[in-house]
């Protein structure tokens, strides 16, 4: 990583390096957020299915 930073600093492209690092971290955060949102949606769907099963059980008993 130090070699890459040295190459950018020697050529004067520190702004490009900073932009690349920002874009990479932002993309990583977006991927993580979408993964967490997907997991949350699956958990909510499981919850709703369990509530529906309880409602069916009570409907049969009542």
N, C-alpha and C. Protein backbone atom coordinates (compact mmCIF):
# COMPACT_ATOMS: atom_id res chain seq x y z
N UNK A 1 0.84 -1.20 0.00
CA UNK A 1 0.00 0.00 0.00
C UNK A 1 0.87 1.25 0.00
N UNK A 2 2.02 1.17 0.67
CA UNK A 2 2.92 2.32 0.74
C UNK A 2 3.47 2.66 -0.64
N UNK A 3 3.72 1.63 -1.45
CA UNK A 3 4.23 1.87 -2.81
C UNK A 3 3.20 2.62 -3.66
N UNK A 4 1.95 2.26 -3.49
CA UNK A 4 0.89 2.93 -4.25
C UNK A 4 0.79 4.39 -3.83
N UNK A 5 0.84 4.64 -2.53
CA UNK A 5 0.77 6.01 -2.02
C UNK A 5 1.96 6.82 -2.51
N UNK A 6 3.15 6.21 -2.50
CA UNK A 6 4.34 6.91 -2.99
C UNK A 6 4.22 7.23 -4.47
N UNK A 7 3.71 6.31 -5.25
CA UNK A 7 3.55 6.55 -6.69
C UNK A 7 2.60 7.71 -6.94
N UNK A 8 1.51 7.74 -6.21
CA UNK A 8 0.55 8.84 -6.38
C UNK A 8 1.15 10.16 -5.91
N UNK A 9 1.88 10.15 -4.80
CA UNK A 9 2.42 11.41 -4.28
C UNK A 9 3.53 11.95 -5.18
N UNK A 10 4.30 11.09 -5.80
CA UNK A 10 5.37 11.55 -6.70
C UNK A 10 4.80 12.18 -7.96
N UNK A 11 3.67 11.69 -8.41
CA UNK A 11 3.06 12.23 -9.62
C UNK A 11 2.13 13.40 -9.31
N UNK A 12 1.88 13.66 -8.05
CA UNK A 12 1.01 14.78 -7.69
C UNK A 12 -0.47 14.48 -7.82
N UNK A 13 -0.81 13.20 -7.76
CA UNK A 13 -2.21 12.79 -7.92
C UNK A 13 -2.85 12.45 -6.58
N UNK A 14 -2.56 13.21 -5.57
CA UNK A 14 -3.14 12.91 -4.26
C UNK A 14 -4.65 13.09 -4.26
N UNK A 15 -5.15 14.02 -5.04
CA UNK A 15 -6.60 14.21 -5.12
C UNK A 15 -7.26 12.97 -5.72
N UNK A 16 -6.62 12.37 -6.71
CA UNK A 16 -7.18 11.16 -7.29
C UNK A 16 -7.15 10.01 -6.29
N UNK A 17 -6.08 9.93 -5.51
CA UNK A 17 -5.99 8.90 -4.49
C UNK A 17 -7.08 9.10 -3.44
N UNK A 18 -7.28 10.32 -3.01
CA UNK A 18 -8.32 10.61 -2.02
C UNK A 18 -9.70 10.29 -2.59
N UNK A 19 -9.94 10.64 -3.83
CA UNK A 19 -11.23 10.33 -4.46
C UNK A 19 -11.44 8.83 -4.57
N UNK A 20 -10.40 8.10 -4.93
CA UNK A 20 -10.50 6.65 -5.04
C UNK A 20 -10.81 6.03 -3.68
N UNK A 21 -10.11 6.48 -2.64
CA UNK A 21 -10.35 5.94 -1.30
C UNK A 21 -11.76 6.26 -0.82
N UNK A 22 -12.22 7.47 -1.09
CA UNK A 22 -13.59 7.86 -0.71
C UNK A 22 -14.61 7.00 -1.44
N UNK A 23 -14.43 6.84 -2.75
CA UNK A 23 -15.38 6.05 -3.54
C UNK A 23 -15.37 4.59 -3.11
N UNK A 24 -14.21 4.06 -2.80
CA UNK A 24 -14.12 2.67 -2.37
C UNK A 24 -14.82 2.46 -1.03
N UNK A 25 -14.58 3.36 -0.10
CA UNK A 25 -15.22 3.20 1.21
C UNK A 25 -16.72 3.41 1.11
N UNK A 26 -17.15 4.34 0.30
CA UNK A 26 -18.58 4.58 0.12
C UNK A 26 -19.26 3.37 -0.52
N UNK A 27 -18.62 2.79 -1.51
CA UNK A 27 -19.17 1.59 -2.15
C UNK A 27 -19.24 0.44 -1.15
N UNK A 28 -18.22 0.29 -0.34
CA UNK A 28 -18.23 -0.75 0.67
C UNK A 28 -19.35 -0.57 1.67
N UNK A 29 -19.56 0.66 2.09
CA UNK A 29 -20.66 0.94 3.02
C UNK A 29 -22.02 0.69 2.38
N UNK A 30 -22.14 1.00 1.11
CA UNK A 30 -23.40 0.75 0.40
C UNK A 30 -23.68 -0.75 0.32
N UNK A 31 -22.68 -1.53 0.00
CA UNK A 31 -22.85 -2.99 -0.07
C UNK A 31 -23.23 -3.54 1.30
N UNK A 32 -22.56 -3.09 2.35
CA UNK A 32 -22.87 -3.54 3.70
C UNK A 32 -24.30 -3.16 4.09
N UNK A 33 -24.71 -1.93 3.75
CA UNK A 33 -26.06 -1.47 4.08
C UNK A 33 -27.11 -2.30 3.36
N UNK A 34 -26.89 -2.59 2.09
CA UNK A 34 -27.85 -3.40 1.33
C UNK A 34 -27.93 -4.82 1.88
N UNK A 35 -26.79 -5.37 2.30
CA UNK A 35 -26.79 -6.70 2.89
C UNK A 35 -27.57 -6.72 4.20
N UNK A 36 -27.38 -5.71 5.03
CA UNK A 36 -28.10 -5.62 6.29
C UNK A 36 -29.60 -5.40 6.07
N UNK A 37 -29.95 -4.59 5.08
CA UNK A 37 -31.36 -4.36 4.75
C UNK A 37 -32.02 -5.64 4.27
N UNK A 38 -31.31 -6.40 3.46
CA UNK A 38 -31.84 -7.67 2.99
C UNK A 38 -32.06 -8.63 4.15
N UNK A 39 -31.12 -8.70 5.06
CA UNK A 39 -31.28 -9.58 6.24
C UNK A 39 -32.45 -9.12 7.10
N UNK A 40 -32.61 -7.82 7.25
CA UNK A 40 -33.73 -7.28 8.02
C UNK A 40 -35.06 -7.64 7.38
N UNK A 41 -35.14 -7.54 6.08
CA UNK A 41 -36.37 -7.90 5.37
C UNK A 41 -36.69 -9.37 5.54
N UNK A 42 -35.66 -10.24 5.50
CA UNK A 42 -35.90 -11.66 5.71
C UNK A 42 -36.41 -11.93 7.12
N UNK A 43 -35.83 -11.27 8.12
CA UNK A 43 -36.29 -11.47 9.50
C UNK A 43 -37.73 -10.98 9.67
N UNK A 44 -38.06 -9.86 9.06
CA UNK A 44 -39.43 -9.35 9.16
C UNK A 44 -40.40 -10.30 8.48
N UNK A 45 -40.01 -10.86 7.32
CA UNK A 45 -40.87 -11.81 6.62
C UNK A 45 -41.09 -13.06 7.48
N UNK A 46 -40.06 -13.54 8.15
CA UNK A 46 -40.22 -14.69 9.04
C UNK A 46 -41.16 -14.35 10.19
N UNK A 47 -41.05 -13.15 10.73
CA UNK A 47 -41.92 -12.71 11.82
C UNK A 47 -43.38 -12.70 11.37
N UNK A 48 -43.63 -12.14 10.20
CA UNK A 48 -45.00 -12.07 9.68
C UNK A 48 -45.54 -13.47 9.44
N UNK A 49 -44.71 -14.37 8.93
CA UNK A 49 -45.16 -15.75 8.71
C UNK A 49 -45.50 -16.44 10.03
N UNK A 50 -44.73 -16.19 11.06
CA UNK A 50 -45.03 -16.78 12.37
C UNK A 50 -46.33 -16.23 12.95
N UNK A 51 -46.56 -14.94 12.80
CA UNK A 51 -47.82 -14.33 13.26
C UNK A 51 -49.00 -14.93 12.50
N UNK A 52 -48.84 -15.14 11.20
CA UNK A 52 -49.91 -15.75 10.40
C UNK A 52 -50.18 -17.17 10.86
N UNK A 53 -49.13 -17.91 11.21
CA UNK A 53 -49.32 -19.28 11.70
C UNK A 53 -50.07 -19.28 13.03
N UNK A 54 -49.74 -18.35 13.92
CA UNK A 54 -50.44 -18.25 15.21
C UNK A 54 -51.91 -17.88 14.97
N UNK A 55 -52.15 -16.96 14.05
CA UNK A 55 -53.54 -16.58 13.74
C UNK A 55 -54.33 -17.76 13.19
N UNK A 56 -53.72 -18.58 12.31
CA UNK A 56 -54.39 -19.77 11.78
C UNK A 56 -54.70 -20.76 12.91
N UNK A 57 -53.75 -20.92 13.83
CA UNK A 57 -53.96 -21.81 14.97
C UNK A 57 -55.14 -21.35 15.83
N UNK A 58 -55.18 -20.07 16.13
CA UNK A 58 -56.29 -19.54 16.94
C UNK A 58 -57.61 -19.63 16.20
N UNK A 59 -57.59 -19.48 14.87
CA UNK A 59 -58.82 -19.57 14.10
C UNK A 59 -59.36 -20.98 14.13
N UNK A 60 -58.47 -22.00 14.07
CA UNK A 60 -58.90 -23.38 14.15
C UNK A 60 -59.44 -23.73 15.53
N UNK A 61 -58.83 -23.17 16.58
CA UNK A 61 -59.25 -23.47 17.94
C UNK A 61 -60.54 -22.73 18.31
N UNK A 62 -60.73 -21.58 17.73
CA UNK A 62 -61.86 -20.73 18.12
C UNK A 62 -63.03 -20.92 17.28
